[in-house]
């Protein structure tokens, strides 16, 4: 009996030892498998969540764009209606005034000189070297276009030779804006008897036949007086962003 009991105990000990040994061997691949399954599951759920989010984001964007498109369509119709009424009014009074402004899209090619961010070569299909053109970016006055060795060159607002006629504030004080090789520009030759103030908006006057009247240039940040005139330092709405494309006013009237 003692031998039998000893044999049974030895068999049990061997069974337990084997179970423990093989369990350790089996645990590693099982854990790897379950870990891989969990990772795949999480990646799949994240992919589905991202797809759902993108779908709804795209849907919201489409809805917003459709709403904006309807708004702009209504605005365009209103502008057409106003333009039509304006032309009828001119014809009714036999007026010779007419508006046939031409605007063309141009592409910026490169800096004229490295280190000078205010001069750009532009690509312009029809260019008259004897003319000066108004340069626009998103509806804001951005500078002028002149000839350099027969090629169209854009002088952005910051360039000291970028100059055009403007008005300042609600009192429509006339002046000439020019660049200052810095972010801000200066409006000079403003009559002292016309009051202007910090915060006044500066608009193109159109009297130089470079720009249309009423295009936004910037806002006055400081004012000084000297030699019988006022000068205003202006924070322009456009400065030195150097986008790939501009619009050029090729004909004002």
Protein backbone atom coordinates (compact mmCIF):
# COMPACT_ATOMS: atom_id res chain seq x y z
CA UNK A 1 0.00 0.00 0.00
CA UNK A 2 2.81 2.31 0.82
CA UNK A 3 4.34 1.72 -2.59
CA UNK A 4 1.00 2.32 -4.28
CA UNK A 5 0.46 5.51 -2.35
CA UNK A 6 3.95 6.67 -3.21
CA UNK A 7 3.35 5.90 -6.89
CA UNK A 8 0.08 7.86 -6.87
CA UNK A 9 1.77 10.83 -5.18
CA UNK A 10 4.59 10.77 -7.73
CA UNK A 11 2.11 10.60 -10.59
CA UNK A 12 0.18 13.56 -9.18
CA UNK A 13 3.38 15.55 -8.74
CA UNK A 14 4.43 14.81 -12.31
CA UNK A 15 0.98 15.79 -13.59
CA UNK A 16 1.02 19.09 -11.72
CA UNK A 17 4.57 19.85 -12.85
CA UNK A 18 3.70 19.07 -16.47
CA UNK A 19 0.58 21.18 -16.32
CA UNK A 20 2.52 24.11 -14.94
CA UNK A 21 5.29 23.67 -17.51
CA UNK A 22 3.02 23.39 -20.53
CA UNK A 23 0.78 26.17 -19.27
CA UNK A 24 3.79 28.52 -19.36
CA UNK A 25 4.58 27.46 -22.91
CA UNK A 26 1.01 27.89 -24.05
CA UNK A 27 0.43 31.23 -22.32
CA UNK A 28 2.78 33.22 -24.55
CA UNK A 29 1.19 32.41 -27.95
CA UNK A 30 -2.30 32.67 -26.45
CA UNK A 31 -1.51 36.10 -25.02
CA UNK A 32 0.00 37.20 -28.33
CA UNK A 33 -3.08 36.00 -30.17
CA UNK A 34 -5.50 37.74 -27.82
CA UNK A 35 -3.40 40.90 -27.90
CA UNK A 36 -3.43 40.89 -31.70
CA UNK A 37 -7.19 40.36 -31.72
CA UNK A 38 -7.70 43.24 -29.28
CA UNK A 39 -5.46 45.53 -31.35
CA UNK A 40 -7.30 44.64 -34.55
CA UNK A 41 -10.62 45.22 -32.82
CA UNK A 42 -9.61 48.65 -31.53
CA UNK A 43 -8.15 49.66 -34.90
CA UNK A 44 -11.31 48.54 -36.66
CA UNK A 45 -13.57 50.44 -34.24
CA UNK A 46 -11.38 53.56 -34.54
CA UNK A 47 -11.51 53.33 -38.33
CA UNK A 48 -15.29 53.05 -38.23
CA UNK A 49 -15.54 55.97 -35.78
CA UNK A 50 -13.28 58.14 -37.96
CA UNK A 51 -15.27 57.22 -41.06
CA UNK A 52 -18.52 58.14 -39.32
CA UNK A 53 -17.03 61.44 -38.08
CA UNK A 54 -15.68 62.29 -41.54
CA UNK A 55 -19.02 61.45 -43.10
CA UNK A 56 -20.95 63.71 -40.77
CA UNK A 57 -18.29 66.46 -41.01
CA UNK A 58 -18.47 66.32 -44.79
CA UNK A 59 -22.23 66.37 -44.58
CA UNK A 60 -22.18 69.46 -42.35
CA UNK A 61 -19.64 71.14 -44.67
CA UNK A 62 -21.81 70.43 -47.70
CA UNK A 63 -24.86 71.85 -45.93
CA UNK A 64 -22.93 74.99 -44.92
CA UNK A 65 -21.56 75.46 -48.43
CA UNK A 66 -25.00 75.03 -49.96
CA UNK A 67 -26.40 77.66 -47.60
CA UNK A 68 -23.54 80.06 -48.44
CA UNK A 69 -24.00 79.37 -52.14
CA UNK A 70 -27.70 80.27 -51.91
CA UNK A 71 -26.76 83.45 -50.03
CA UNK A 72 -24.21 84.47 -52.66
CA UNK A 73 -26.64 83.66 -55.46
CA UNK A 74 -29.20 85.99 -53.87
CA UNK A 75 -26.52 88.66 -53.41
CA UNK A 76 -25.47 88.30 -57.04
CA UNK A 77 -29.07 88.60 -58.21
CA UNK A 78 -29.49 91.72 -56.07
CA UNK A 79 -26.32 93.23 -57.53
CA UNK A 80 -27.48 92.46 -61.07
CA UNK A 81 -30.81 94.09 -60.29
CA UNK A 82 -29.13 97.21 -58.89
CA UNK A 83 -26.77 97.37 -61.89
CA UNK A 84 -29.70 97.02 -64.28
CA UNK A 85 -31.65 99.79 -62.53
CA UNK A 86 -28.53 101.98 -62.55
CA UNK A 87 -28.04 101.51 -66.30
CA UNK A 88 -31.72 102.26 -66.94
CA UNK A 89 -31.43 105.44 -64.85
CA UNK A 90 -28.40 106.55 -66.86
CA UNK A 91 -30.21 105.92 -70.14
CA UNK A 92 -33.30 107.76 -68.89
CA UNK A 93 -31.20 110.88 -68.26
CA UNK A 94 -29.13 110.46 -71.44
CA UNK A 95 -26.00 110.21 -69.31
CA UNK A 96 -22.66 109.51 -70.94
CA UNK A 97 -21.34 107.89 -67.75
CA UNK A 98 -20.69 104.20 -68.16
CA UNK A 99 -18.85 101.54 -66.24
CA UNK A 100 -16.89 98.93 -68.17
CA UNK A 101 -14.25 97.98 -65.62
CA UNK A 102 -12.08 95.04 -66.60
CA UNK A 103 -10.40 92.80 -64.04
CA UNK A 104 -8.09 89.90 -64.83
CA UNK A 105 -6.55 87.12 -62.75
CA UNK A 106 -2.73 87.08 -62.70
CA UNK A 107 -0.19 84.68 -61.23
CA UNK A 108 2.82 85.60 -59.11
CA UNK A 109 6.04 84.06 -60.46
CA UNK A 110 8.88 85.01 -58.11
CA UNK A 111 10.50 87.79 -56.13
CA UNK A 112 12.27 90.41 -58.20
CA UNK A 113 15.10 90.34 -55.63
CA UNK A 114 15.62 87.99 -52.72
CA UNK A 115 15.29 89.83 -49.45
CA UNK A 116 12.74 92.29 -50.84
CA UNK A 117 9.22 90.95 -50.14
CA UNK A 118 7.51 93.94 -51.75
CA UNK A 119 8.34 93.31 -55.42
CA UNK A 120 7.06 90.36 -57.45
CA UNK A 121 7.24 89.33 -61.08
CA UNK A 122 3.75 88.45 -62.27
CA UNK A 123 2.38 86.64 -65.30
CA UNK A 124 -0.04 88.88 -67.20
CA UNK A 125 -1.44 88.06 -70.63
CA UNK A 126 -2.16 91.61 -71.83
CA UNK A 127 0.25 94.21 -70.49
CA UNK A 128 0.99 97.77 -71.61
CA UNK A 129 4.39 98.90 -70.25
CA UNK A 130 3.21 102.53 -70.35
CA UNK A 131 0.28 101.90 -68.01
CA UNK A 132 -0.02 101.58 -64.23
CA UNK A 133 -2.49 98.98 -62.99
CA UNK A 134 -4.27 98.49 -59.68
CA UNK A 135 -3.47 95.25 -57.85
CA UNK A 136 -6.13 93.50 -55.74
CA UNK A 137 -6.14 90.61 -53.31
CA UNK A 138 -9.55 89.35 -52.18
CA UNK A 139 -11.05 92.73 -52.94
CA UNK A 140 -8.45 94.73 -50.99
CA UNK A 141 -6.02 97.18 -52.59
CA UNK A 142 -2.70 95.33 -52.57
CA UNK A 143 -0.42 97.64 -54.55
CA UNK A 144 0.21 98.56 -58.18
CA UNK A 145 1.64 96.94 -61.30
CA UNK A 146 4.30 98.76 -63.34
CA UNK A 147 6.82 97.89 -66.03
CA UNK A 148 10.37 96.81 -65.28
CA UNK A 149 12.40 96.22 -68.45
CA UNK A 150 9.11 95.72 -70.26
CA UNK A 151 7.91 93.05 -67.84
CA UNK A 152 4.93 93.39 -65.43
CA UNK A 153 6.16 93.89 -61.88
CA UNK A 154 3.91 94.05 -58.83
CA UNK A 155 4.82 96.64 -56.20
CA UNK A 156 2.99 95.55 -53.06
CA UNK A 157 1.67 97.99 -50.47
CA UNK A 158 4.91 98.03 -48.49
CA UNK A 159 7.09 99.24 -51.38
CA UNK A 160 8.04 102.94 -51.25
CA UNK A 161 7.11 103.35 -54.94
CA UNK A 162 3.68 101.79 -54.49
CA UNK A 163 1.49 104.90 -54.50
CA UNK A 164 -2.15 105.69 -55.35
CA UNK A 165 -4.95 108.10 -54.47
CA UNK A 166 -7.14 107.46 -51.43
CA UNK A 167 -9.70 109.06 -49.13
CA UNK A 168 -9.67 108.94 -45.34
CA UNK A 169 -12.70 108.64 -43.04
CA UNK A 170 -16.30 109.77 -43.34
CA UNK A 171 -15.20 113.28 -44.28
CA UNK A 172 -13.56 111.85 -47.42
CA UNK A 173 -10.24 113.61 -46.84
CA UNK A 174 -8.07 113.13 -49.95
CA UNK A 175 -4.52 111.87 -49.76
CA UNK A 176 -1.83 109.75 -51.41
CA UNK A 177 -0.85 106.43 -49.90
CA UNK A 178 2.66 105.03 -50.25
CA UNK A 179 4.67 102.18 -48.83
CA UNK A 180 7.27 102.56 -46.11
CA UNK A 181 9.27 99.32 -46.45
CA UNK A 182 7.40 98.05 -43.41
CA UNK A 183 4.07 96.48 -42.57
CA UNK A 184 2.32 99.84 -42.26
CA UNK A 185 1.80 102.40 -45.03
CA UNK A 186 1.52 106.19 -44.93
CA UNK A 187 -1.14 108.50 -46.33
CA UNK A 188 0.37 111.91 -47.09
CA UNK A 189 -0.85 115.35 -48.24
CA UNK A 190 -4.13 115.21 -46.30
CA UNK A 191 -5.51 118.79 -45.95
CA UNK A 192 -5.37 120.00 -42.35
CA UNK A 193 -8.84 121.58 -42.50
CA UNK A 194 -10.50 118.19 -43.00
CA UNK A 195 -10.72 116.31 -39.70
CA UNK A 196 -9.55 112.70 -39.58
CA UNK A 197 -9.27 110.33 -36.62
CA UNK A 198 -7.59 107.13 -35.51
CA UNK A 199 -9.75 104.22 -36.64
CA UNK A 200 -10.88 105.95 -39.84
CA UNK A 201 -11.06 103.66 -42.83
CA UNK A 202 -8.91 104.41 -45.87
CA UNK A 203 -10.45 103.73 -49.29
CA UNK A 204 -9.27 104.16 -52.87
CA UNK A 205 -10.61 107.36 -54.42
CA UNK A 206 -10.47 106.24 -58.06
CA UNK A 207 -9.26 109.69 -59.13
CA UNK A 208 -5.91 108.30 -60.30
CA UNK A 209 -7.66 105.95 -62.75
CA UNK A 210 -5.68 103.09 -61.24
CA UNK A 211 -8.34 101.73 -58.88
CA UNK A 212 -12.10 101.89 -58.63
CA UNK A 213 -13.40 104.19 -55.92
CA UNK A 214 -14.28 102.67 -52.57
CA UNK A 215 -11.90 99.70 -52.41
CA UNK A 216 -10.60 99.07 -48.90
CA UNK A 217 -6.98 99.85 -48.09
CA UNK A 218 -6.73 99.82 -44.28
CA UNK A 219 -7.37 101.74 -41.03
CA UNK A 220 -5.64 104.76 -39.51
CA UNK A 221 -3.52 103.96 -36.44
CA UNK A 222 -1.83 107.35 -35.87
CA UNK A 223 -1.87 110.93 -37.19
CA UNK A 224 0.75 113.67 -37.44
CA UNK A 225 0.94 117.21 -38.90
CA UNK A 226 3.81 118.89 -40.72
CA UNK A 227 4.33 121.55 -43.41
CA UNK A 228 0.66 122.41 -43.69
CA UNK A 229 -0.57 118.83 -44.23
CA UNK A 230 -1.66 115.85 -42.19
CA UNK A 231 -0.15 112.39 -42.48
CA UNK A 232 -1.74 109.16 -41.32
CA UNK A 233 -0.04 105.86 -40.55
CA UNK A 234 -2.29 103.07 -41.79
CA UNK A 235 -2.52 99.38 -40.98
CA UNK A 236 -3.33 97.89 -44.42
CA UNK A 237 -5.76 95.03 -44.87
CA UNK A 238 -3.23 93.38 -47.19
CA UNK A 239 0.48 93.23 -46.53
CA UNK A 240 3.23 90.88 -47.67
CA UNK A 241 1.27 87.66 -47.78
CA UNK A 242 2.58 87.05 -51.29
CA UNK A 243 -0.23 84.81 -52.49
CA UNK A 244 0.04 82.82 -55.69
CA UNK A 245 -2.68 84.82 -57.46
CA UNK A 246 -3.90 88.42 -57.59
CA UNK A 247 -6.45 90.36 -59.60
CA UNK A 248 -5.39 93.31 -61.72
CA UNK A 249 -7.67 96.14 -62.82
CA UNK A 250 -6.83 96.51 -66.51
CA UNK A 251 -9.44 99.18 -67.23
CA UNK A 252 -11.33 101.50 -64.87
CA UNK A 253 -13.62 103.34 -67.30
